[in-house]
Amino acid sequence: MKKRLVMIMMMVGLFVLVACTNETVPSVDAYAISVFDMTDEIPDESLQLEDIINLVTFERMNANVTVKTYQYLWFKTFGTLYFGSGVIFFYQSPYYYVLTNEHVIELDPDYTAQTFEIEDYKNNVYEAFVYEGSRSLEHDLAVLVFEGAEGLFDPVTIRTINPEMDEPVLSIGSPLGQKNAVLFGEVSGYEQIRVDLYESGDATLDFDSLVHTAKVSEGSSGGMLLDMNLNLIGLNYARSLDPDENIGYAIPVEVIVNYLETYVFWSES
């Protein structure tokens, strides 16, 4: 059975005269990624909850960011602000790379232009731009890029193998504007679903979504789903329309890896 879900980004409201302009975007040659290290390591079941919480606090919190998408009318002076989450997954001086959902940064057809900001866990704001060619409606994924000094953030490591049924997971994101909300759950299955997209209406994604019990809310789109080694195993993007269902839906990591290999990694040949 295909369930209907809703995307979990958050619209804040109208704004005027926003300072962010994103007028200068470098050539893709300046920031293109060729390849980076991932892991196939399976979590150590001996880790205690206290150890995991400490590791999350000191090693993963700063990889979670808030993605702000400004949608403009009237020469970038009036529009709407959308909030979502994102995860920093790579650094290549002087750029950090943020994985998020395409629907978080998708241009609303009612608007004519857009710009982006990344807000970190200390409320610092960075102008960002879309990694050229990284938008994928098929995967509901995109990559944003912003400049920052080395060592400011600790990029998350991506695991290459999907988690198994009943494997413990934790979700980190910015639901309802709350930064670094951490919720525990477990994998309850994989399922093909329908989701509501504001531009195109209902759509069926071509992969089985990872279903888990770590609750997600508006603003959680693009938030990371981690295993107990704190490696990325999914990206949250939807929740059930049924208020009695405490479940979230994530893009599984094997889909993410396929996406990166197809849309993000650049070859010199």
C-alpha atoms as a PDB file:
ATOM      1  CA  MET A   1       0.000   0.000   0.000  1.00  0.00           C
ATOM      2  CA  LYS A   2       1.299   3.456  -0.891  1.00  0.00           C
ATOM      3  CA  LYS A   3       0.832   6.024   1.849  1.00  0.00           C
ATOM      4  CA  ARG A   4       0.468   9.733   1.217  1.00  0.00           C
ATOM      5  CA  LEU A   5       2.972  11.914   3.015  1.00  0.00           C
ATOM      6  CA  VAL A   6       3.805  15.582   3.266  1.00  0.00           C
ATOM      7  CA  MET A   7       7.227  17.191   2.921  1.00  0.00           C
ATOM      8  CA  ILE A   8       8.582  18.593   6.181  1.00  0.00           C
ATOM      9  CA  MET A   9      10.073  21.979   5.360  1.00  0.00           C
ATOM     10  CA  MET A  10       8.658  25.073   7.046  1.00  0.00           C
ATOM     11  CA  MET A  11       7.440  28.350   5.536  1.00  0.00           C
ATOM     12  CA  VAL A  12       7.965  31.312   7.852  1.00  0.00           C
ATOM     13  CA  GLY A  13       6.216  34.156   6.052  1.00  0.00           C
ATOM     14  CA  LEU A  14       6.785  37.287   4.056  1.00  0.00           C
ATOM     15  CA  PHE A  15       9.873  39.470   4.146  1.00  0.00           C
ATOM     16  CA  VAL A  16      11.114  42.678   2.549  1.00  0.00           C
ATOM     17  CA  LEU A  17      14.571  43.952   1.601  1.00  0.00           C
ATOM     18  CA  VAL A  18      16.562  40.881   2.562  1.00  0.00           C
ATOM     19  CA  ALA A  19      20.311  41.510   2.666  1.00  0.00           C
ATOM     20  CA  CYS A  20      21.424  38.180   1.206  1.00  0.00           C
ATOM     21  CA  THR A  21      22.062  38.518  -2.540  1.00  0.00           C
ATOM     22  CA  ASN A  22      24.266  35.582  -3.656  1.00  0.00           C
ATOM     23  CA  GLU A  23      25.255  37.678  -6.674  1.00  0.00           C
ATOM     24  CA  THR A  24      28.705  36.132  -7.214  1.00  0.00           C
ATOM     25  CA  VAL A  25      28.835  32.380  -7.739  1.00  0.00           C
ATOM     26  CA  PRO A  26      32.249  30.902  -8.607  1.00  0.00           C
ATOM     27  CA  SER A  27      32.856  28.663 -11.569  1.00  0.00           C
ATOM     28  CA  VAL A  28      32.145  25.016 -10.796  1.00  0.00           C
ATOM     29  CA  ASP A  29      35.806  24.243 -11.501  1.00  0.00           C
ATOM     30  CA  ALA A  30      36.666  26.150  -8.318  1.00  0.00           C
ATOM     31  CA  TYR A  31      34.634  23.912  -6.003  1.00  0.00           C
ATOM     32  CA  ALA A  32      33.939  20.629  -7.839  1.00  0.00           C
ATOM     33  CA  ILE A  33      34.340  17.395  -5.860  1.00  0.00           C
ATOM     34  CA  SER A  34      35.995  14.388  -7.481  1.00  0.00           C
ATOM     35  CA  VAL A  35      35.641  11.806  -4.686  1.00  0.00           C
ATOM     36  CA  PHE A  36      35.900  11.491  -0.909  1.00  0.00           C
ATOM     37  CA  ASP A  37      36.064   8.762   1.720  1.00  0.00           C
ATOM     38  CA  MET A  38      32.964   6.936   2.949  1.00  0.00           C
ATOM     39  CA  THR A  39      32.607   3.904   5.220  1.00  0.00           C
ATOM     40  CA  ASP A  40      30.949   0.488   5.218  1.00  0.00           C
ATOM     41  CA  GLU A  41      31.452   0.098   8.976  1.00  0.00           C
ATOM     42  CA  ILE A  42      28.545  -1.395  10.923  1.00  0.00           C
ATOM     43  CA  PRO A  43      27.831   0.090  14.389  1.00  0.00           C
ATOM     44  CA  ASP A  44      29.380  -1.366  17.523  1.00  0.00           C
ATOM     45  CA  GLU A  45      26.481  -2.688  19.597  1.00  0.00           C
ATOM     46  CA  SER A  46      28.514  -2.305  22.793  1.00  0.00           C
ATOM     47  CA  LEU A  47      28.204   1.494  22.752  1.00  0.00           C
ATOM     48  CA  GLN A  48      26.125   2.826  25.633  1.00  0.00           C
ATOM     49  CA  LEU A  49      23.477   5.528  25.284  1.00  0.00           C
ATOM     50  CA  GLU A  50      25.518   7.936  27.430  1.00  0.00           C
ATOM     51  CA  ASP A  51      28.533   7.487  25.152  1.00  0.00           C
ATOM     52  CA  ILE A  52      26.405   8.094  22.073  1.00  0.00           C
ATOM     53  CA  ILE A  53      24.903  11.291  23.489  1.00  0.00           C
ATOM     54  CA  ASN A  54      28.359  12.614  24.354  1.00  0.00           C
ATOM     55  CA  LEU A  55      29.638  11.807  20.867  1.00  0.00           C
ATOM     56  CA  VAL A  56      26.625  13.494  19.253  1.00  0.00           C
ATOM     57  CA  THR A  57      27.172  16.626  21.335  1.00  0.00           C
ATOM     58  CA  PHE A  58      30.856  16.977  20.573  1.00  0.00           C
ATOM     59  CA  GLU A  59      31.199  15.434  17.103  1.00  0.00           C
ATOM     60  CA  ARG A  60      27.940  15.785  15.173  1.00  0.00           C
ATOM     61  CA  MET A  61      25.940  18.778  16.391  1.00  0.00           C
ATOM     62  CA  ASN A  62      27.916  21.274  14.339  1.00  0.00           C
ATOM     63  CA  ALA A  63      27.358  19.312  11.120  1.00  0.00           C
ATOM     64  CA  ASN A  64      23.634  20.033  11.377  1.00  0.00           C
ATOM     65  CA  VAL A  65      22.655  23.353   9.808  1.00  0.00           C
ATOM     66  CA  THR A  66      19.522  25.280   8.989  1.00  0.00           C
ATOM     67  CA  VAL A  67      18.917  25.951   5.287  1.00  0.00           C
ATOM     68  CA  LYS A  68      17.101  29.202   4.502  1.00  0.00           C
ATOM     69  CA  THR A  69      15.618  29.631   1.041  1.00  0.00           C
ATOM     70  CA  TYR A  70      14.425  33.109   0.123  1.00  0.00           C
ATOM     71  CA  GLN A  71      11.855  33.157  -2.685  1.00  0.00           C
ATOM     72  CA  TYR A  72      11.617  36.576  -4.368  1.00  0.00           C
ATOM     73  CA  LEU A  73       9.256  38.791  -6.300  1.00  0.00           C
ATOM     74  CA  TRP A  74       9.735  42.376  -7.398  1.00  0.00           C
ATOM     75  CA  PHE A  75      13.481  42.648  -7.953  1.00  0.00           C
ATOM     76  CA  LYS A  76      14.441  40.651  -4.825  1.00  0.00           C
ATOM     77  CA  THR A  77      12.680  43.006  -2.441  1.00  0.00           C
ATOM     78  CA  PHE A  78       9.630  40.973  -1.425  1.00  0.00           C
ATOM     79  CA  GLY A  79       9.010  37.277  -0.978  1.00  0.00           C
ATOM     80  CA  THR A  80       8.737  34.258   1.291  1.00  0.00           C
ATOM     81  CA  LEU A  81      11.274  32.477   3.482  1.00  0.00           C
ATOM     82  CA  TYR A  82      11.365  28.673   3.706  1.00  0.00           C
ATOM     83  CA  PHE A  83      13.269  26.756   6.391  1.00  0.00           C
ATOM     84  CA  GLY A  84      14.726  23.268   6.194  1.00  0.00           C
ATOM     85  CA  SER A  85      17.666  21.317   7.550  1.00  0.00           C
ATOM     86  CA  GLY A  86      20.937  20.220   6.015  1.00  0.00           C
ATOM     87  CA  VAL A  87      24.040  18.222   6.849  1.00  0.00           C
ATOM     88  CA  ILE A  88      27.659  19.201   6.203  1.00  0.00           C
ATOM     89  CA  PHE A  89      29.285  16.175   4.585  1.00  0.00           C
ATOM     90  CA  PHE A  90      32.541  17.473   3.109  1.00  0.00           C
ATOM     91  CA  TYR A  91      35.147  20.231   3.288  1.00  0.00           C
ATOM     92  CA  GLN A  92      37.482  21.277   0.503  1.00  0.00           C
ATOM     93  CA  SER A  93      39.179  24.586   1.236  1.00  0.00           C
ATOM     94  CA  PRO A  94      37.640  27.102   1.321  1.00  0.00           C
ATOM     95  CA  TYR A  95      34.218  25.442   0.854  1.00  0.00           C
ATOM     96  CA  TYR A  96      31.842  23.386   2.993  1.00  0.00           C
ATOM     97  CA  TYR A  97      29.262  21.179   1.266  1.00  0.00           C
ATOM     98  CA  VAL A  98      25.714  20.744   2.592  1.00  0.00           C
ATOM     99  CA  LEU A  99      23.368  17.935   1.592  1.00  0.00           C
ATOM    100  CA  THR A 100      19.685  18.826   1.748  1.00  0.00           C
ATOM    101  CA  ASN A 101      16.400  18.040   0.011  1.00  0.00           C
ATOM    102  CA  GLU A 102      15.671  19.458  -3.421  1.00  0.00           C
ATOM    103  CA  HIS A 103      12.194  20.457  -2.237  1.00  0.00           C
ATOM    104  CA  VAL A 104      13.799  22.654   0.462  1.00  0.00           C
ATOM    105  CA  ILE A 105      15.501  24.792  -2.199  1.00  0.00           C
ATOM    106  CA  GLU A 106      13.084  24.294  -5.108  1.00  0.00           C
ATOM    107  CA  LEU A 107      11.895  27.521  -6.719  1.00  0.00           C
ATOM    108  CA  ASP A 108       8.199  28.038  -6.040  1.00  0.00           C
ATOM    109  CA  PRO A 109       6.479  28.758  -9.385  1.00  0.00           C
ATOM    110  CA  ASP A 110       4.796  31.798  -7.826  1.00  0.00           C
ATOM    111  CA  TYR A 111       8.217  33.466  -7.471  1.00  0.00           C
ATOM    112  CA  THR A 112      10.895  34.538  -9.939  1.00  0.00           C
ATOM    113  CA  ALA A 113      14.219  34.245  -8.076  1.00  0.00           C
ATOM    114  CA  GLN A 114      15.798  32.800  -4.957  1.00  0.00           C
ATOM    115  CA  THR A 115      18.870  33.031  -2.724  1.00  0.00           C
ATOM    116  CA  PHE A 116      20.172  30.810   0.072  1.00  0.00           C
ATOM    117  CA  GLU A 117      21.684  31.072   3.523  1.00  0.00           C
ATOM    118  CA  ILE A 118      23.187  28.502   5.862  1.00  0.00           C
ATOM    119  CA  GLU A 119      22.746  29.129   9.593  1.00  0.00           C
ATOM    120  CA  ASP A 120      24.920  27.118  11.969  1.00  0.00           C
ATOM    121  CA  TYR A 121      24.324  25.938  15.526  1.00  0.00           C
ATOM    122  CA  LYS A 122      25.718  29.240  16.895  1.00  0.00           C
ATOM    123  CA  ASN A 123      23.369  31.319  14.721  1.00  0.00           C
ATOM    124  CA  ASN A 124      26.165  32.403  12.389  1.00  0.00           C
ATOM    125  CA  VAL A 125      24.885  32.954   8.848  1.00  0.00           C
ATOM    126  CA  TYR A 126      26.729  32.194   5.595  1.00  0.00           C
ATOM    127  CA  GLU A 127      25.670  32.998   2.042  1.00  0.00           C
ATOM    128  CA  ALA A 128      25.384  29.832  -0.018  1.00  0.00           C
ATOM    129  CA  PHE A 129      24.896  28.750  -3.608  1.00  0.00           C
ATOM    130  CA  VAL A 130      23.729  25.579  -5.337  1.00  0.00           C
ATOM    131  CA  TYR A 131      26.417  23.134  -6.479  1.00  0.00           C
ATOM    132  CA  GLU A 132      26.064  23.239 -10.259  1.00  0.00           C
ATOM    133  CA  GLY A 133      24.144  20.235 -11.594  1.00  0.00           C
ATOM    134  CA  SER A 134      23.278  18.889  -8.139  1.00  0.00           C
ATOM    135  CA  ARG A 135      19.523  19.432  -8.186  1.00  0.00           C
ATOM    136  CA  SER A 136      17.704  16.107  -8.543  1.00  0.00           C
ATOM    137  CA  LEU A 137      13.926  15.808  -8.333  1.00  0.00           C
ATOM    138  CA  GLU A 138      14.336  12.061  -8.888  1.00  0.00           C
ATOM    139  CA  HIS A 139      16.276  11.725  -5.622  1.00  0.00           C
ATOM    140  CA  ASP A 140      14.826  14.817  -3.887  1.00  0.00           C
ATOM    141  CA  LEU A 141      18.412  15.852  -3.134  1.00  0.00           C
ATOM    142  CA  ALA A 142      20.625  18.878  -3.731  1.00  0.00           C
ATOM    143  CA  VAL A 143      23.939  20.267  -2.489  1.00  0.00           C
ATOM    144  CA  LEU A 144      24.613  23.788  -1.268  1.00  0.00           C
ATOM    145  CA  VAL A 145      28.103  25.258  -0.934  1.00  0.00           C
ATOM    146  CA  PHE A 146      29.383  28.003   1.365  1.00  0.00           C
ATOM    147  CA  GLU A 147      32.761  29.397   2.363  1.00  0.00           C
ATOM    148  CA  GLY A 148      34.298  28.942   5.791  1.00  0.00           C
ATOM    149  CA  ALA A 149      37.602  28.454   7.570  1.00  0.00           C
ATOM    150  CA  GLU A 150      38.951  24.927   7.991  1.00  0.00           C
ATOM    151  CA  GLY A 151      37.995  23.380  11.325  1.00  0.00           C
ATOM    152  CA  LEU A 152      34.797  25.362  11.857  1.00  0.00           C
ATOM    153  CA  PHE A 153      32.662  22.247  11.314  1.00  0.00           C
ATOM    154  CA  ASP A 154      33.094  18.479  11.466  1.00  0.00           C
ATOM    155  CA  PRO A 155      31.613  16.951   8.299  1.00  0.00           C
ATOM    156  CA  VAL A 156      29.638  13.773   8.851  1.00  0.00           C
ATOM    157  CA  THR A 157      30.926  10.491   7.407  1.00  0.00           C
ATOM    158  CA  ILE A 158      28.614   8.766   4.938  1.00  0.00           C
ATOM    159  CA  ARG A 159      27.988   5.055   5.359  1.00  0.00           C
ATOM    160  CA  THR A 160      27.586   3.164   2.096  1.00  0.00           C
ATOM    161  CA  ILE A 161      25.256   0.371   3.308  1.00  0.00           C
ATOM    162  CA  ASN A 162      21.581   0.764   4.178  1.00  0.00           C
ATOM    163  CA  PRO A 163      20.620  -0.014   7.788  1.00  0.00           C
ATOM    164  CA  GLU A 164      18.766  -3.226   8.563  1.00  0.00           C
ATOM    165  CA  MET A 165      15.340  -3.707  10.122  1.00  0.00           C
ATOM    166  CA  ASP A 166      15.208  -2.746  13.820  1.00  0.00           C
ATOM    167  CA  GLU A 167      18.625  -1.075  13.684  1.00  0.00           C
ATOM    168  CA  PRO A 168      18.730   1.860  16.145  1.00  0.00           C
ATOM    169  CA  VAL A 169      18.910   5.316  14.567  1.00  0.00           C
ATOM    170  CA  LEU A 170      18.976   8.909  15.707  1.00  0.00           C
ATOM    171  CA  SER A 171      17.636  11.933  13.897  1.00  0.00           C
ATOM    172  CA  ILE A 172      19.190  15.416  14.111  1.00  0.00           C
ATOM    173  CA  GLY A 173      17.505  18.392  12.502  1.00  0.00           C
ATOM    174  CA  SER A 174      15.774  21.723  13.012  1.00  0.00           C
ATOM    175  CA  PRO A 175      12.068  20.933  13.440  1.00  0.00           C
ATOM    176  CA  LEU A 176       9.803  23.941  13.963  1.00  0.00           C
ATOM    177  CA  GLY A 177      12.882  26.180  14.072  1.00  0.00           C
ATOM    178  CA  GLN A 178      14.492  24.346  17.018  1.00  0.00           C
ATOM    179  CA  LYS A 179      18.175  23.763  16.332  1.00  0.00           C
ATOM    180  CA  ASN A 180      19.847  20.395  16.914  1.00  0.00           C
ATOM    181  CA  ALA A 181      16.817  18.448  18.042  1.00  0.00           C
ATOM    182  CA  VAL A 182      17.978  14.846  18.646  1.00  0.00           C
ATOM    183  CA  LEU A 183      15.468  11.997  18.599  1.00  0.00           C
ATOM    184  CA  PHE A 184      16.082   8.264  18.877  1.00  0.00           C
ATOM    185  CA  GLY A 185      14.206   5.535  17.041  1.00  0.00           C
ATOM    186  CA  GLU A 186      14.731   2.442  14.928  1.00  0.00           C
ATOM    187  CA  VAL A 187      14.335   1.291  11.354  1.00  0.00           C
ATOM    188  CA  SER A 188      10.869  -0.168  10.824  1.00  0.00           C
ATOM    189  CA  GLY A 189      11.105  -0.980   7.120  1.00  0.00           C
ATOM    190  CA  TYR A 190      11.409   0.244   3.539  1.00  0.00           C
ATOM    191  CA  GLU A 191       8.407   1.392   1.562  1.00  0.00           C
ATOM    192  CA  GLN A 192       7.537   3.146  -1.692  1.00  0.00           C
ATOM    193  CA  ILE A 193       5.353   6.131  -0.909  1.00  0.00           C
ATOM    194  CA  ARG A 194       3.547   9.136  -2.336  1.00  0.00           C
ATOM    195  CA  VAL A 195       4.470  12.648  -1.269  1.00  0.00           C
ATOM    196  CA  ASP A 196       2.891  16.080  -1.745  1.00  0.00           C
ATOM    197  CA  LEU A 197       5.034  18.495  -3.764  1.00  0.00           C
ATOM    198  CA  TYR A 198       3.877  22.112  -3.907  1.00  0.00           C
ATOM    199  CA  GLU A 199       4.890  22.521  -7.548  1.00  0.00           C
ATOM    200  CA  SER A 200       3.866  19.264  -9.158  1.00  0.00           C
ATOM    201  CA  GLY A 201       1.324  17.779  -6.747  1.00  0.00           C
ATOM    202  CA  ASP A 202       1.511  14.146  -5.674  1.00  0.00           C
ATOM    203  CA  ALA A 203       4.587  12.288  -6.856  1.00  0.00           C
ATOM    204  CA  THR A 204       5.912   8.781  -6.373  1.00  0.00           C
ATOM    205  CA  LEU A 205       9.643   8.543  -5.799  1.00  0.00           C
ATOM    206  CA  ASP A 206      11.425   5.742  -7.648  1.00  0.00           C
ATOM    207  CA  PHE A 207      13.090   4.263  -4.571  1.00  0.00           C
ATOM    208  CA  ASP A 208      11.950   2.648  -1.346  1.00  0.00           C
ATOM    209  CA  SER A 209      12.027   5.148   1.499  1.00  0.00           C
ATOM    210  CA  LEU A 210      13.585   4.261   4.837  1.00  0.00           C
ATOM    211  CA  VAL A 211      10.807   4.213   7.452  1.00  0.00           C
ATOM    212  CA  HIS A 212      11.822   4.931  11.052  1.00  0.00           C
ATOM    213  CA  THR A 213      10.324   5.808  14.434  1.00  0.00           C
ATOM    214  CA  ALA A 214      12.378   8.934  15.258  1.00  0.00           C
ATOM    215  CA  LYS A 215       9.711  11.641  15.114  1.00  0.00           C
ATOM    216  CA  VAL A 216      10.095  14.425  12.532  1.00  0.00           C
ATOM    217  CA  SER A 217       8.212  17.721  12.123  1.00  0.00           C
ATOM    218  CA  GLU A 218       8.090  20.766   9.850  1.00  0.00           C
ATOM    219  CA  GLY A 219      11.643  22.001   9.331  1.00  0.00           C
ATOM    220  CA  SER A 220      13.143  18.502   9.561  1.00  0.00           C
ATOM    221  CA  SER A 221      13.485  18.122   5.792  1.00  0.00           C
ATOM    222  CA  GLY A 222      17.173  17.638   5.025  1.00  0.00           C
ATOM    223  CA  GLY A 223      17.967  16.582   8.596  1.00  0.00           C
ATOM    224  CA  MET A 224      20.421  13.746   9.076  1.00  0.00           C
ATOM    225  CA  LEU A 225      19.570  10.223  10.128  1.00  0.00           C
ATOM    226  CA  LEU A 226      22.555   8.564  11.811  1.00  0.00           C
ATOM    227  CA  ASP A 227      23.517   5.087  12.945  1.00  0.00           C
ATOM    228  CA  MET A 228      25.015   4.475  16.384  1.00  0.00           C
ATOM    229  CA  ASN A 229      28.498   5.147  14.992  1.00  0.00           C
ATOM    230  CA  LEU A 230      27.161   8.589  14.039  1.00  0.00           C
ATOM    231  CA  ASN A 231      27.574   7.890  10.335  1.00  0.00           C
ATOM    232  CA  LEU A 232      24.971   9.167   7.882  1.00  0.00           C
ATOM    233  CA  ILE A 233      22.477   6.480   6.844  1.00  0.00           C
ATOM    234  CA  GLY A 234      19.645   8.641   5.559  1.00  0.00           C
ATOM    235  CA  LEU A 235      18.223  12.120   5.025  1.00  0.00           C
ATOM    236  CA  ASN A 236      14.786  12.913   6.460  1.00  0.00           C
ATOM    237  CA  TYR A 237      12.313  14.342   3.994  1.00  0.00           C
ATOM    238  CA  ALA A 238       8.703  13.472   4.854  1.00  0.00           C
ATOM    239  CA  ARG A 239       6.235  12.479   7.540  1.00  0.00           C
ATOM    240  CA  SER A 240       2.869  10.773   7.504  1.00  0.00           C
ATOM    241  CA  LEU A 241      -0.309  12.834   7.110  1.00  0.00           C
ATOM    242  CA  ASP A 242      -1.833  10.613   9.811  1.00  0.00           C
ATOM    243  CA  PRO A 243      -1.400  12.477  13.159  1.00  0.00           C
ATOM    244  CA  ASP A 244      -1.531   9.168  15.042  1.00  0.00           C
ATOM    245  CA  GLU A 245       1.543   7.775  13.249  1.00  0.00           C
ATOM    246  CA  ASN A 246       4.830   8.621  14.962  1.00  0.00           C
ATOM    247  CA  ILE A 247       7.023   7.765  11.998  1.00  0.00           C
ATOM    248  CA  GLY A 248       9.442   9.535   9.706  1.00  0.00           C
ATOM    249  CA  TYR A 249      10.611   8.859   6.178  1.00  0.00           C
ATOM    250  CA  ALA A 250      14.180   9.242   4.982  1.00  0.00           C
ATOM    251  CA  ILE A 251      16.087   8.879   1.747  1.00  0.00           C
ATOM    252  CA  PRO A 252      18.279   5.796   2.383  1.00  0.00           C
ATOM    253  CA  VAL A 253      22.023   6.137   2.155  1.00  0.00           C
ATOM    254  CA  GLU A 254      22.469   3.834  -0.836  1.00  0.00           C
ATOM    255  CA  VAL A 255      20.251   6.248  -2.799  1.00  0.00           C
ATOM    256  CA  ILE A 256      22.348   9.147  -1.483  1.00  0.00           C
ATOM    257  CA  VAL A 257      25.584   7.481  -2.614  1.00  0.00           C
ATOM    258  CA  ASN A 258      24.115   6.829  -6.061  1.00  0.00           C
ATOM    259  CA  TYR A 259      23.030  10.464  -6.228  1.00  0.00           C
ATOM    260  CA  LEU A 260      26.492  11.756  -5.285  1.00  0.00           C
ATOM    261  CA  GLU A 261      28.170   9.537  -7.868  1.00  0.00           C
ATOM    262  CA  THR A 262      25.716  10.696 -10.554  1.00  0.00           C
ATOM    263  CA  TYR A 263      25.189  14.386  -9.835  1.00  0.00           C
ATOM    264  CA  VAL A 264      28.045  15.633  -7.662  1.00  0.00           C
ATOM    265  CA  PHE A 265      31.332  13.824  -8.290  1.00  0.00           C
ATOM    266  CA  TRP A 266      33.153  15.378 -11.230  1.00  0.00           C
ATOM    267  CA  SER A 267      35.575  13.584 -13.497  1.00  0.00           C
ATOM    268  CA  GLU A 268      38.621  15.302 -14.958  1.00  0.00           C
ATOM    269  CA  SER A 269      38.233  13.366 -18.191  1.00  0.00           C
END
